Amino acid sequence: MSIYKADSLQSLIKFRDSTLQLGIFERRQPEGGASFFKNLMKQDFEIKGTINLMNVHNDLRKLLLKIIDPSLRVNDFYNYWLSDMEEVCKTFCYMENTNSLSFWLGTRRGCRRYHVDNVSKRLLVTYAGQGTEWIPNNSADRHAYEAGEPNKNIIRNKNDLNFIDEWSIAIFKGGSDGILHRTPDTALNGPSILMRLDHPDFLLKTYTADTFELN
């Protein structure tokens, strides 16, 4: 299986030089997260923008002001979460060797069909709800996928489905050899909180494209 398992954020950076398709740093949601995110998801939201490496903390704060109620900003977990996103953003900048990145955070995800991303790398963290669903290569019918057939024809064995754990960090390599993945049904039918990071070129090229996908 083409997976790189990291044991820290720092070691996750090494994934950039790997020939493997998926990098994962497994983590558990810290105490206080469930109740905080439950309150945050009472209303749907979507924010997107550019985050600069030299100003990550302030850029994130400005974006989050659009969605975070003042009553939640005084919660101790809010600062913990902000710090976590800051460190993940910095890690992705180092991995992509860039001084900025494309940032998306929201409660609604809509990629129903298995796909690979049209980007070099994409980082995903599901902070609340079920994480991204993916299929091991030997359990996916790539011919059915390339022919535009429905999901039921693409997955050979439903017992082989995998899901990124809540709070864990996943980096999917894109292109024709990427691992097929999609939004799980639970996230299609209800709210979750997903952070998605891309190379800054993605913000300029594809936010208005019809193929914009929320994993």
N, C-alpha and C. Protein backbone atom coordinates (compact mmCIF):
# COMPACT_ATOMS: atom_id res chain seq x y z
N MET A 1 0.85 -1.19 0.00
CA MET A 1 0.00 0.00 0.00
C MET A 1 0.89 1.24 0.00
N SER A 2 0.55 2.23 -0.84
CA SER A 2 1.41 3.39 -1.05
C SER A 2 1.18 4.49 -0.03
N ILE A 3 1.47 4.18 1.25
CA ILE A 3 1.21 5.15 2.32
C ILE A 3 2.49 5.43 3.09
N TYR A 4 2.71 6.70 3.35
CA TYR A 4 3.82 7.13 4.19
C TYR A 4 3.25 7.49 5.55
N LYS A 5 3.66 6.80 6.60
CA LYS A 5 3.16 7.06 7.95
C LYS A 5 4.19 7.91 8.70
N ALA A 6 3.82 9.13 9.03
CA ALA A 6 4.70 10.03 9.77
C ALA A 6 4.43 9.91 11.26
N ASP A 7 5.45 10.16 12.08
CA ASP A 7 5.27 10.13 13.53
C ASP A 7 5.31 11.53 14.14
N SER A 8 5.41 12.56 13.29
CA SER A 8 5.41 13.95 13.76
C SER A 8 5.16 14.87 12.57
N LEU A 9 4.83 16.11 12.85
CA LEU A 9 4.68 17.08 11.76
C LEU A 9 5.98 17.24 11.00
N GLN A 10 7.10 17.28 11.73
CA GLN A 10 8.39 17.47 11.10
C GLN A 10 8.70 16.33 10.13
N SER A 11 8.42 15.10 10.54
CA SER A 11 8.71 13.97 9.66
C SER A 11 7.76 13.91 8.47
N LEU A 12 6.58 14.55 8.60
CA LEU A 12 5.64 14.58 7.49
C LEU A 12 6.22 15.34 6.30
N ILE A 13 7.10 16.30 6.57
CA ILE A 13 7.72 17.09 5.49
C ILE A 13 8.49 16.18 4.54
N LYS A 14 9.05 15.08 5.05
CA LYS A 14 9.83 14.17 4.22
C LYS A 14 8.99 13.51 3.13
N PHE A 15 7.67 13.55 3.28
CA PHE A 15 6.79 12.95 2.29
C PHE A 15 6.96 13.60 0.92
N ARG A 16 7.42 14.84 0.88
CA ARG A 16 7.56 15.54 -0.41
C ARG A 16 8.52 14.83 -1.35
N ASP A 17 9.49 14.12 -0.81
CA ASP A 17 10.49 13.43 -1.63
C ASP A 17 10.17 11.96 -1.83
N SER A 18 9.01 11.54 -1.33
CA SER A 18 8.63 10.14 -1.41
C SER A 18 7.91 9.84 -2.72
N THR A 19 8.00 8.59 -3.17
CA THR A 19 7.25 8.16 -4.34
C THR A 19 5.88 7.60 -3.95
N LEU A 20 5.59 7.59 -2.64
CA LEU A 20 4.31 7.08 -2.16
C LEU A 20 3.20 8.09 -2.44
N GLN A 21 1.95 7.62 -2.39
CA GLN A 21 0.82 8.44 -2.84
C GLN A 21 0.10 9.21 -1.74
N LEU A 22 0.19 8.72 -0.53
CA LEU A 22 -0.57 9.32 0.57
C LEU A 22 0.29 9.38 1.82
N GLY A 23 0.39 10.57 2.40
CA GLY A 23 1.11 10.75 3.65
C GLY A 23 0.13 11.01 4.78
N ILE A 24 0.30 10.34 5.91
CA ILE A 24 -0.63 10.48 7.03
C ILE A 24 0.14 10.65 8.34
N PHE A 25 -0.28 11.63 9.11
CA PHE A 25 0.19 11.77 10.48
C PHE A 25 -1.04 11.58 11.37
N GLU A 26 -1.14 10.45 12.03
CA GLU A 26 -2.32 10.12 12.82
C GLU A 26 -2.29 10.83 14.17
N ARG A 27 -3.42 11.45 14.51
CA ARG A 27 -3.53 12.17 15.78
C ARG A 27 -4.92 11.93 16.37
N ARG A 28 -5.05 12.17 17.64
CA ARG A 28 -6.34 12.11 18.30
C ARG A 28 -6.83 13.52 18.61
N GLN A 29 -8.15 13.69 18.54
CA GLN A 29 -8.71 14.99 18.88
C GLN A 29 -8.48 15.29 20.36
N PRO A 30 -7.92 16.45 20.67
CA PRO A 30 -7.66 16.79 22.07
C PRO A 30 -8.94 17.05 22.86
N GLU A 31 -8.82 16.99 24.14
CA GLU A 31 -9.96 17.23 25.03
C GLU A 31 -10.53 18.62 24.80
N GLY A 32 -11.84 18.71 24.77
CA GLY A 32 -12.52 19.98 24.58
C GLY A 32 -12.92 20.25 23.14
N GLY A 33 -12.40 19.45 22.20
CA GLY A 33 -12.68 19.69 20.79
C GLY A 33 -14.11 19.40 20.39
N ALA A 34 -14.66 18.31 20.89
CA ALA A 34 -15.99 17.89 20.46
C ALA A 34 -17.05 18.94 20.77
N SER A 35 -17.05 19.47 21.99
CA SER A 35 -18.06 20.46 22.36
C SER A 35 -17.83 21.79 21.63
N PHE A 36 -16.56 22.16 21.44
CA PHE A 36 -16.26 23.41 20.74
C PHE A 36 -16.76 23.35 19.30
N PHE A 37 -16.45 22.27 18.60
CA PHE A 37 -16.84 22.16 17.20
C PHE A 37 -18.34 21.97 17.04
N LYS A 38 -18.98 21.33 18.01
CA LYS A 38 -20.43 21.18 17.97
C LYS A 38 -21.10 22.55 17.96
N ASN A 39 -20.60 23.46 18.77
CA ASN A 39 -21.14 24.82 18.79
C ASN A 39 -20.79 25.58 17.51
N LEU A 40 -19.59 25.34 17.00
CA LEU A 40 -19.16 26.04 15.79
C LEU A 40 -19.99 25.61 14.58
N MET A 41 -20.44 24.36 14.56
CA MET A 41 -21.18 23.84 13.41
C MET A 41 -22.67 24.13 13.45
N LYS A 42 -23.11 24.93 14.40
CA LYS A 42 -24.54 25.26 14.46
C LYS A 42 -24.99 26.03 13.23
N GLN A 43 -24.04 26.71 12.59
CA GLN A 43 -24.32 27.41 11.35
C GLN A 43 -23.26 27.02 10.32
N ASP A 44 -23.70 26.81 9.08
CA ASP A 44 -22.74 26.49 8.03
C ASP A 44 -21.86 27.69 7.72
N PHE A 45 -20.62 27.40 7.33
CA PHE A 45 -19.71 28.48 6.95
C PHE A 45 -18.70 27.98 5.94
N GLU A 46 -18.09 28.91 5.25
CA GLU A 46 -17.01 28.64 4.31
C GLU A 46 -16.11 29.86 4.25
N ILE A 47 -14.83 29.66 4.45
CA ILE A 47 -13.88 30.76 4.31
C ILE A 47 -12.71 30.27 3.46
N LYS A 48 -12.16 31.18 2.67
CA LYS A 48 -11.02 30.83 1.83
C LYS A 48 -10.17 32.07 1.61
N GLY A 49 -8.89 31.85 1.40
CA GLY A 49 -7.98 32.97 1.21
C GLY A 49 -6.55 32.49 1.13
N THR A 50 -5.65 33.44 1.06
CA THR A 50 -4.22 33.15 1.01
C THR A 50 -3.60 33.36 2.38
N ILE A 51 -2.79 32.42 2.80
CA ILE A 51 -2.07 32.51 4.07
C ILE A 51 -0.58 32.67 3.74
N ASN A 52 0.05 33.67 4.33
CA ASN A 52 1.46 33.93 4.10
C ASN A 52 2.30 33.34 5.23
N LEU A 53 3.40 32.72 4.87
CA LEU A 53 4.25 32.03 5.84
C LEU A 53 4.74 32.97 6.94
N MET A 54 5.08 34.19 6.59
CA MET A 54 5.63 35.13 7.57
C MET A 54 4.55 35.77 8.44
N ASN A 55 3.27 35.49 8.14
CA ASN A 55 2.19 36.13 8.88
C ASN A 55 1.03 35.16 9.11
N VAL A 56 1.36 33.87 9.31
CA VAL A 56 0.34 32.84 9.39
C VAL A 56 -0.66 33.13 10.50
N HIS A 57 -0.18 33.44 11.69
CA HIS A 57 -1.06 33.63 12.84
C HIS A 57 -2.08 34.74 12.58
N ASN A 58 -1.62 35.88 12.14
CA ASN A 58 -2.53 37.01 11.91
C ASN A 58 -3.47 36.76 10.74
N ASP A 59 -2.96 36.12 9.69
CA ASP A 59 -3.83 35.82 8.54
C ASP A 59 -4.96 34.89 8.95
N LEU A 60 -4.65 33.87 9.74
CA LEU A 60 -5.69 32.95 10.20
C LEU A 60 -6.70 33.66 11.09
N ARG A 61 -6.22 34.48 11.99
CA ARG A 61 -7.13 35.20 12.89
C ARG A 61 -8.11 36.07 12.10
N LYS A 62 -7.60 36.75 11.08
CA LYS A 62 -8.47 37.62 10.28
C LYS A 62 -9.54 36.82 9.55
N LEU A 63 -9.16 35.67 9.01
CA LEU A 63 -10.13 34.84 8.32
C LEU A 63 -11.17 34.27 9.28
N LEU A 64 -10.71 33.84 10.45
CA LEU A 64 -11.62 33.21 11.41
C LEU A 64 -12.58 34.20 12.05
N LEU A 65 -12.21 35.47 12.08
CA LEU A 65 -13.11 36.49 12.63
C LEU A 65 -14.46 36.50 11.90
N LYS A 66 -14.44 36.03 10.64
CA LYS A 66 -15.66 36.03 9.84
C LYS A 66 -16.66 34.97 10.30
N ILE A 67 -16.18 33.96 11.02
CA ILE A 67 -17.06 32.83 11.36
C ILE A 67 -17.14 32.53 12.85
N ILE A 68 -16.16 32.98 13.62
CA ILE A 68 -16.11 32.61 15.04
C ILE A 68 -16.86 33.62 15.88
N ASP A 69 -17.89 33.16 16.54
CA ASP A 69 -18.66 34.02 17.43
C ASP A 69 -17.78 34.45 18.61
N PRO A 70 -17.96 35.68 19.10
CA PRO A 70 -17.16 36.15 20.23
C PRO A 70 -17.20 35.22 21.44
N SER A 71 -18.34 34.54 21.64
CA SER A 71 -18.46 33.63 22.78
C SER A 71 -17.55 32.42 22.63
N LEU A 72 -17.22 32.06 21.39
CA LEU A 72 -16.31 30.94 21.15
C LEU A 72 -14.85 31.39 21.17
N ARG A 73 -14.59 32.64 20.84
CA ARG A 73 -13.21 33.13 20.82
C ARG A 73 -12.61 33.21 22.22
N VAL A 74 -13.44 33.24 23.25
CA VAL A 74 -12.91 33.27 24.62
C VAL A 74 -12.73 31.86 25.18
N ASN A 75 -13.12 30.87 24.41
CA ASN A 75 -12.93 29.47 24.80
C ASN A 75 -11.45 29.12 24.66
N ASP A 76 -10.87 28.48 25.68
CA ASP A 76 -9.45 28.12 25.63
C ASP A 76 -9.12 27.25 24.43
N PHE A 77 -10.07 26.43 24.01
CA PHE A 77 -9.80 25.53 22.88
C PHE A 77 -9.63 26.29 21.58
N TYR A 78 -10.23 27.47 21.47
CA TYR A 78 -10.10 28.26 20.24
C TYR A 78 -8.64 28.57 19.96
N ASN A 79 -7.91 29.02 20.95
CA ASN A 79 -6.49 29.33 20.76
C ASN A 79 -5.67 28.08 20.47
N TYR A 80 -6.05 26.97 21.09
CA TYR A 80 -5.37 25.70 20.82
C TYR A 80 -5.55 25.32 19.36
N TRP A 81 -6.79 25.42 18.88
CA TRP A 81 -7.10 25.08 17.49
C TRP A 81 -6.38 26.02 16.53
N LEU A 82 -6.39 27.30 16.83
CA LEU A 82 -5.70 28.27 15.99
C LEU A 82 -4.21 27.95 15.88
N SER A 83 -3.61 27.60 17.00
CA SER A 83 -2.18 27.25 17.01
C SER A 83 -1.92 26.00 16.19
N ASP A 84 -2.85 25.04 16.26
CA ASP A 84 -2.69 23.81 15.49
C ASP A 84 -2.73 24.11 14.00
N MET A 85 -3.72 24.88 13.56
CA MET A 85 -3.81 25.22 12.15
C MET A 85 -2.57 26.00 11.69
N GLU A 86 -2.07 26.86 12.55
CA GLU A 86 -0.87 27.62 12.23
C GLU A 86 0.32 26.69 11.96
N GLU A 87 0.53 25.70 12.82
CA GLU A 87 1.65 24.79 12.65
C GLU A 87 1.48 23.92 11.40
N VAL A 88 0.26 23.50 11.13
CA VAL A 88 0.01 22.69 9.94
C VAL A 88 0.25 23.51 8.67
N CYS A 89 -0.19 24.77 8.68
CA CYS A 89 0.04 25.65 7.53
C CYS A 89 1.54 25.85 7.28
N LYS A 90 2.29 26.06 8.33
CA LYS A 90 3.74 26.25 8.18
C LYS A 90 4.38 24.98 7.61
N THR A 91 3.96 23.84 8.11
CA THR A 91 4.50 22.58 7.63
C THR A 91 4.26 22.40 6.14
N PHE A 92 3.05 22.75 5.69
CA PHE A 92 2.73 22.60 4.28
C PHE A 92 3.54 23.58 3.42
N CYS A 93 3.75 24.78 3.92
CA CYS A 93 4.59 25.74 3.20
C CYS A 93 6.01 25.19 3.02
N TYR A 94 6.56 24.62 4.09
CA TYR A 94 7.91 24.05 4.01
C TYR A 94 7.93 22.89 3.01
N MET A 95 6.89 22.08 3.04
CA MET A 95 6.84 20.93 2.15
C MET A 95 6.78 21.37 0.69
N GLU A 96 5.98 22.39 0.41
CA GLU A 96 5.80 22.87 -0.95
C GLU A 96 6.84 23.92 -1.34
N ASN A 97 7.72 24.26 -0.40
CA ASN A 97 8.77 25.25 -0.66
C ASN A 97 8.17 26.55 -1.20
N THR A 98 7.16 27.04 -0.47
CA THR A 98 6.47 28.25 -0.88
C THR A 98 6.29 29.18 0.32
N ASN A 99 6.16 30.46 0.06
CA ASN A 99 5.97 31.44 1.13
C ASN A 99 4.50 31.73 1.42
N SER A 100 3.60 31.05 0.72
CA SER A 100 2.17 31.23 0.95
C SER A 100 1.42 29.98 0.54
N LEU A 101 0.15 29.93 0.87
CA LEU A 101 -0.66 28.78 0.50
C LEU A 101 -2.11 29.19 0.32
N SER A 102 -2.85 28.32 -0.34
CA SER A 102 -4.29 28.49 -0.52
C SER A 102 -5.00 27.78 0.63
N PHE A 103 -5.86 28.50 1.34
CA PHE A 103 -6.51 28.00 2.55
C PHE A 103 -8.01 27.94 2.34
N TRP A 104 -8.62 26.81 2.75
CA TRP A 104 -10.08 26.66 2.74
C TRP A 104 -10.49 25.97 4.02
N LEU A 105 -11.58 26.48 4.61
CA LEU A 105 -12.14 25.88 5.82
C LEU A 105 -13.65 25.99 5.73
N GLY A 106 -14.36 24.88 5.96
CA GLY A 106 -15.80 24.95 5.87
C GLY A 106 -16.50 23.75 6.47
N THR A 107 -17.83 23.85 6.51
CA THR A 107 -18.66 22.80 7.10
C THR A 107 -19.31 21.90 6.07
N ARG A 108 -19.33 22.31 4.80
CA ARG A 108 -20.00 21.54 3.77
C ARG A 108 -19.01 21.05 2.71
N ARG A 109 -19.07 19.77 2.44
CA ARG A 109 -18.19 19.15 1.45
C ARG A 109 -19.06 18.45 0.42
N GLY A 110 -18.66 18.50 -0.84
CA GLY A 110 -19.58 18.03 -1.86
C GLY A 110 -19.00 17.16 -2.94
N CYS A 111 -17.88 16.49 -2.70
CA CYS A 111 -17.31 15.66 -3.74
C CYS A 111 -17.81 14.22 -3.59
N ARG A 112 -18.89 13.90 -4.28
CA ARG A 112 -19.54 12.60 -4.13
C ARG A 112 -18.80 11.48 -4.84
N ARG A 113 -18.17 11.79 -5.95
CA ARG A 113 -17.56 10.75 -6.77
C ARG A 113 -16.08 10.58 -6.43
N TYR A 114 -15.60 9.34 -6.50
CA TYR A 114 -14.18 9.09 -6.31
C TYR A 114 -13.39 9.85 -7.37
N HIS A 115 -12.25 10.38 -6.96
CA HIS A 115 -11.47 11.21 -7.86
C HIS A 115 -10.03 11.28 -7.38
N VAL A 116 -9.17 11.83 -8.22
CA VAL A 116 -7.84 12.26 -7.82
C VAL A 116 -7.78 13.76 -8.09
N ASP A 117 -7.00 14.48 -7.29
CA ASP A 117 -6.97 15.93 -7.39
C ASP A 117 -6.02 16.39 -8.49
N ASN A 118 -6.41 17.48 -9.14
CA ASN A 118 -5.60 18.05 -10.20
C ASN A 118 -4.60 19.06 -9.62
N VAL A 119 -3.87 18.59 -8.62
CA VAL A 119 -2.84 19.39 -7.96
C VAL A 119 -1.67 18.46 -7.65
N SER A 120 -0.53 19.05 -7.34
CA SER A 120 0.62 18.23 -6.97
C SER A 120 0.41 17.53 -5.64
N LYS A 121 -0.01 18.31 -4.63
CA LYS A 121 -0.29 17.78 -3.30
C LYS A 121 -1.44 18.56 -2.70
N ARG A 122 -2.22 17.90 -1.87
CA ARG A 122 -3.32 18.56 -1.15
C ARG A 122 -3.34 18.03 0.27
N LEU A 123 -3.35 18.96 1.23
CA LEU A 123 -3.39 18.58 2.64
C LEU A 123 -4.81 18.74 3.16
N LEU A 124 -5.28 17.73 3.88
CA LEU A 124 -6.63 17.73 4.44
C LEU A 124 -6.59 17.37 5.92
N VAL A 125 -7.34 18.14 6.71
CA VAL A 125 -7.56 17.79 8.12
C VAL A 125 -9.05 17.93 8.39
N THR A 126 -9.69 16.85 8.79
CA THR A 126 -11.08 16.93 9.23
C THR A 126 -11.06 17.12 10.74
N TYR A 127 -11.40 18.32 11.17
CA TYR A 127 -11.38 18.61 12.60
C TYR A 127 -12.61 18.11 13.32
N ALA A 128 -13.71 17.96 12.61
CA ALA A 128 -14.93 17.42 13.21
C ALA A 128 -15.69 16.65 12.15
N GLY A 129 -16.17 15.46 12.50
CA GLY A 129 -16.88 14.64 11.54
C GLY A 129 -15.97 13.58 10.94
N GLN A 130 -16.53 12.82 10.01
CA GLN A 130 -15.77 11.74 9.39
C GLN A 130 -14.81 12.27 8.32
N GLY A 131 -13.59 11.75 8.35
CA GLY A 131 -12.58 12.20 7.42
C GLY A 131 -12.73 11.60 6.03
N THR A 132 -11.88 12.03 5.13
CA THR A 132 -11.94 11.64 3.73
C THR A 132 -11.90 10.12 3.53
N GLU A 133 -12.75 9.64 2.65
CA GLU A 133 -12.84 8.22 2.30
C GLU A 133 -11.88 7.94 1.14
N TRP A 134 -11.12 6.86 1.22
CA TRP A 134 -10.20 6.53 0.13
C TRP A 134 -10.12 5.03 -0.11
N ILE A 135 -9.71 4.67 -1.34
CA ILE A 135 -9.66 3.28 -1.75
C ILE A 135 -8.22 2.87 -2.04
N PRO A 136 -7.75 1.76 -1.47
CA PRO A 136 -6.43 1.24 -1.85
C PRO A 136 -6.39 0.94 -3.34
N ASN A 137 -5.24 1.05 -3.94
CA ASN A 137 -5.13 0.86 -5.39
C ASN A 137 -5.67 -0.48 -5.86
N ASN A 138 -5.38 -1.54 -5.10
CA ASN A 138 -5.79 -2.87 -5.55
C ASN A 138 -7.29 -3.13 -5.35
N SER A 139 -7.99 -2.18 -4.75
CA SER A 139 -9.42 -2.33 -4.55
C SER A 139 -10.24 -1.38 -5.42
N ALA A 140 -9.55 -0.65 -6.30
CA ALA A 140 -10.22 0.32 -7.15
C ALA A 140 -10.14 -0.11 -8.61
N ASP A 141 -11.24 0.06 -9.32
CA ASP A 141 -11.28 -0.22 -10.75
C ASP A 141 -11.00 1.10 -11.48
N ARG A 142 -9.74 1.32 -11.85
CA ARG A 142 -9.36 2.58 -12.48
C ARG A 142 -10.00 2.74 -13.86
N HIS A 143 -10.25 1.64 -14.54
CA HIS A 143 -10.89 1.73 -15.85
C HIS A 143 -12.32 2.27 -15.70
N ALA A 144 -13.03 1.81 -14.67
CA ALA A 144 -14.38 2.31 -14.42
C ALA A 144 -14.34 3.79 -14.06
N TYR A 145 -13.35 4.16 -13.26
CA TYR A 145 -13.20 5.58 -12.89
C TYR A 145 -12.95 6.44 -14.12
N GLU A 146 -12.01 6.02 -14.96
CA GLU A 146 -11.64 6.80 -16.13
C GLU A 146 -12.77 6.85 -17.16
N ALA A 147 -13.64 5.85 -17.13
CA ALA A 147 -14.77 5.82 -18.06
C ALA A 147 -15.96 6.63 -17.55
N GLY A 148 -15.82 7.22 -16.35
CA GLY A 148 -16.89 8.03 -15.80
C GLY A 148 -18.01 7.25 -15.17
N GLU A 149 -17.75 6.00 -14.82
CA GLU A 149 -18.80 5.17 -14.22
C GLU A 149 -19.05 5.57 -12.76
N PRO A 150 -20.20 5.16 -12.21
CA PRO A 150 -20.56 5.54 -10.83
C PRO A 150 -19.68 4.86 -9.79
N ASN A 151 -19.77 5.36 -8.57
CA ASN A 151 -18.93 4.84 -7.48
C ASN A 151 -19.07 3.34 -7.28
N LYS A 152 -20.28 2.82 -7.42
CA LYS A 152 -20.50 1.39 -7.16
C LYS A 152 -19.68 0.51 -8.10
N ASN A 153 -19.31 1.04 -9.27
CA ASN A 153 -18.51 0.27 -10.21
C ASN A 153 -17.01 0.50 -10.02
N ILE A 154 -16.68 1.57 -9.29
CA ILE A 154 -15.27 1.90 -9.07
C ILE A 154 -14.69 1.12 -7.90
N ILE A 155 -15.49 0.94 -6.85
CA ILE A 155 -15.02 0.22 -5.68
C ILE A 155 -15.29 -1.28 -5.85
N ARG A 156 -14.24 -2.07 -5.76
CA ARG A 156 -14.37 -3.51 -5.97
C ARG A 156 -14.84 -4.23 -4.71
N ASN A 157 -14.44 -3.72 -3.56
CA ASN A 157 -14.79 -4.38 -2.30
C ASN A 157 -15.00 -3.31 -1.23
N LYS A 158 -16.23 -3.15 -0.79
CA LYS A 158 -16.54 -2.11 0.19
C LYS A 158 -15.84 -2.35 1.52
N ASN A 159 -15.44 -3.57 1.77
CA ASN A 159 -14.73 -3.87 3.02
C ASN A 159 -13.33 -3.25 3.04
N ASP A 160 -12.85 -2.83 1.88
CA ASP A 160 -11.51 -2.25 1.80
C ASP A 160 -11.51 -0.73 1.89
N LEU A 161 -12.68 -0.13 2.10
CA LEU A 161 -12.74 1.33 2.22
C LEU A 161 -11.98 1.79 3.46
N ASN A 162 -11.31 2.92 3.34
CA ASN A 162 -10.58 3.52 4.46
C ASN A 162 -11.06 4.96 4.66
N PHE A 163 -10.90 5.45 5.88
CA PHE A 163 -11.28 6.82 6.21
C PHE A 163 -10.15 7.46 7.02
N ILE A 164 -9.83 8.69 6.67
CA ILE A 164 -8.86 9.43 7.47
C ILE A 164 -9.50 9.76 8.81
N ASP A 165 -8.82 9.48 9.89
CA ASP A 165 -9.38 9.74 11.21
C ASP A 165 -9.55 11.24 11.48
N GLU A 166 -10.54 11.55 12.28
CA GLU A 166 -10.75 12.91 12.74
C GLU A 166 -9.47 13.46 13.37
N TRP A 167 -9.09 14.68 12.95
CA TRP A 167 -7.93 15.40 13.47
C TRP A 167 -6.60 14.96 12.83
N SER A 168 -6.55 13.78 12.21
CA SER A 168 -5.33 13.33 11.57
C SER A 168 -5.05 14.18 10.32
N ILE A 169 -3.78 14.27 9.96
CA ILE A 169 -3.35 15.07 8.81
C ILE A 169 -3.07 14.13 7.65
N ALA A 170 -3.68 14.41 6.50
CA ALA A 170 -3.47 13.59 5.30
C ALA A 170 -3.01 14.47 4.16
N ILE A 171 -2.02 13.99 3.42
CA ILE A 171 -1.57 14.69 2.22
C ILE A 171 -1.71 13.73 1.04
N PHE A 172 -2.59 14.09 0.12
CA PHE A 172 -2.83 13.29 -1.07
C PHE A 172 -2.02 13.86 -2.23
N LYS A 173 -1.26 13.00 -2.91
CA LYS A 173 -0.63 13.42 -4.15
C LYS A 173 -1.66 13.32 -5.27
N GLY A 174 -1.64 14.32 -6.16
CA GLY A 174 -2.61 14.34 -7.24
C GLY A 174 -2.06 13.73 -8.52
N GLY A 175 -2.77 13.99 -9.60
CA GLY A 175 -2.34 13.45 -10.87
C GLY A 175 -2.91 12.06 -11.14
N SER A 176 -2.54 11.51 -12.28
CA SER A 176 -3.12 10.25 -12.75
C SER A 176 -2.84 9.07 -11.83
N ASP A 177 -1.77 9.14 -11.04
CA ASP A 177 -1.42 8.02 -10.17
C ASP A 177 -1.89 8.20 -8.73
N GLY A 178 -2.68 9.24 -8.47
CA GLY A 178 -3.13 9.49 -7.12
C GLY A 178 -4.14 8.46 -6.63
N ILE A 179 -4.25 8.34 -5.33
CA ILE A 179 -5.23 7.42 -4.74
C ILE A 179 -6.64 8.01 -4.87
N LEU A 180 -7.58 7.18 -5.28
CA LEU A 180 -8.96 7.63 -5.42
C LEU A 180 -9.57 7.89 -4.05
N HIS A 181 -10.27 9.01 -3.92
CA HIS A 181 -10.88 9.37 -2.65
C HIS A 181 -12.12 10.24 -2.89
N ARG A 182 -12.90 10.44 -1.84
CA ARG A 182 -14.14 11.21 -1.96
C ARG A 182 -14.58 11.68 -0.59
N THR A 183 -15.63 12.53 -0.59
CA THR A 183 -16.29 12.91 0.65
C THR A 183 -17.15 11.74 1.13
N PRO A 184 -17.02 11.31 2.39
CA PRO A 184 -17.87 10.21 2.88
C PRO A 184 -19.32 10.63 2.98
N ASP A 185 -20.21 9.66 2.94
CA ASP A 185 -21.65 9.95 2.96
C ASP A 185 -22.07 10.76 4.18
N THR A 186 -21.47 10.47 5.33
CA THR A 186 -21.85 11.19 6.55
C THR A 186 -21.58 12.68 6.42
N ALA A 187 -20.50 13.05 5.72
CA ALA A 187 -20.17 14.46 5.54
C ALA A 187 -20.98 15.09 4.41
N LEU A 188 -21.41 14.26 3.45
CA LEU A 188 -22.28 14.77 2.40
C LEU A 188 -23.66 15.13 2.96
N ASN A 189 -24.11 14.35 3.94
CA ASN A 189 -25.46 14.49 4.47
C ASN A 189 -25.54 15.32 5.74
N GLY A 190 -24.42 15.80 6.24
CA GLY A 190 -24.42 16.59 7.46
C GLY A 190 -23.17 17.43 7.56
N PRO A 191 -23.10 18.30 8.55
CA PRO A 191 -21.94 19.18 8.67
C PRO A 191 -20.71 18.47 9.21
N SER A 192 -19.57 18.98 8.83
CA SER A 192 -18.29 18.57 9.38
C SER A 192 -17.39 19.79 9.25
N ILE A 193 -16.19 19.71 9.76
CA ILE A 193 -15.26 20.83 9.62
C ILE A 193 -13.98 20.32 8.98
N LEU A 194 -13.73 20.77 7.77
CA LEU A 194 -12.57 20.35 7.00
C LEU A 194 -11.68 21.56 6.70
N MET A 195 -10.38 21.39 6.89
CA MET A 195 -9.40 22.36 6.43
C MET A 195 -8.67 21.77 5.24
N ARG A 196 -8.56 22.54 4.17
CA ARG A 196 -7.85 22.08 2.99
C ARG A 196 -6.78 23.10 2.60
N LEU A 197 -5.56 22.61 2.38
CA LEU A 197 -4.45 23.47 1.99
C LEU A 197 -3.92 23.04 0.63
N ASP A 198 -3.65 24.04 -0.21
CA ASP A 198 -3.10 23.80 -1.53
C ASP A 198 -1.98 24.78 -1.81
N HIS A 199 -1.22 24.50 -2.86
CA HIS A 199 -0.24 25.46 -3.34
C HIS A 199 -0.97 26.76 -3.68
N PRO A 200 -0.34 27.93 -3.48
CA PRO A 200 -1.04 29.20 -3.72
C PRO A 200 -1.56 29.37 -5.14
N ASP A 201 -0.98 28.69 -6.11
CA ASP A 201 -1.47 28.79 -7.48
C ASP A 201 -2.91 28.30 -7.61
N PHE A 202 -3.31 27.39 -6.72
CA PHE A 202 -4.66 26.83 -6.79
C PHE A 202 -5.72 27.89 -6.57
N LEU A 203 -5.46 28.82 -5.67
CA LEU A 203 -6.41 29.89 -5.38
C LEU A 203 -6.67 30.73 -6.63
N LEU A 204 -5.63 30.99 -7.38
CA LEU A 204 -5.73 31.85 -8.56
C LEU A 204 -6.39 31.13 -9.73
N LYS A 205 -6.16 29.83 -9.85
CA LYS A 205 -6.57 29.11 -11.04
C LYS A 205 -7.93 28.44 -10.97
N THR A 206 -8.33 27.97 -9.78
CA THR A 206 -9.46 27.05 -9.78
C THR A 206 -10.60 27.37 -8.83
N TYR A 207 -10.57 28.43 -8.05
CA TYR A 207 -11.69 28.69 -7.15
C TYR A 207 -12.98 28.94 -7.90
N THR A 208 -12.87 29.40 -9.15
CA THR A 208 -14.08 29.65 -9.92
C THR A 208 -14.39 28.53 -10.90
N ALA A 209 -13.60 27.46 -10.89
CA ALA A 209 -13.79 26.37 -11.84
C ALA A 209 -14.94 25.47 -11.42
N ASP A 210 -15.59 24.88 -12.39
CA ASP A 210 -16.70 23.99 -12.11
C ASP A 210 -16.23 22.70 -11.44
N THR A 211 -14.94 22.38 -11.57
CA THR A 211 -14.41 21.13 -11.02
C THR A 211 -13.90 21.28 -9.60
N PHE A 212 -14.20 22.39 -8.97
CA PHE A 212 -13.74 22.63 -7.58
C PHE A 212 -14.30 21.55 -6.67
N GLU A 213 -13.42 20.83 -5.97
CA GLU A 213 -13.83 19.68 -5.19
C GLU A 213 -13.49 19.85 -3.71
N LEU A 214 -14.43 19.50 -2.86
CA LEU A 214 -14.25 19.59 -1.43
C LEU A 214 -14.22 18.19 -0.86
N ASN A 215 -13.01 17.74 -0.48
CA ASN A 215 -12.85 16.37 -0.05
C ASN A 215 -13.35 16.16 1.38
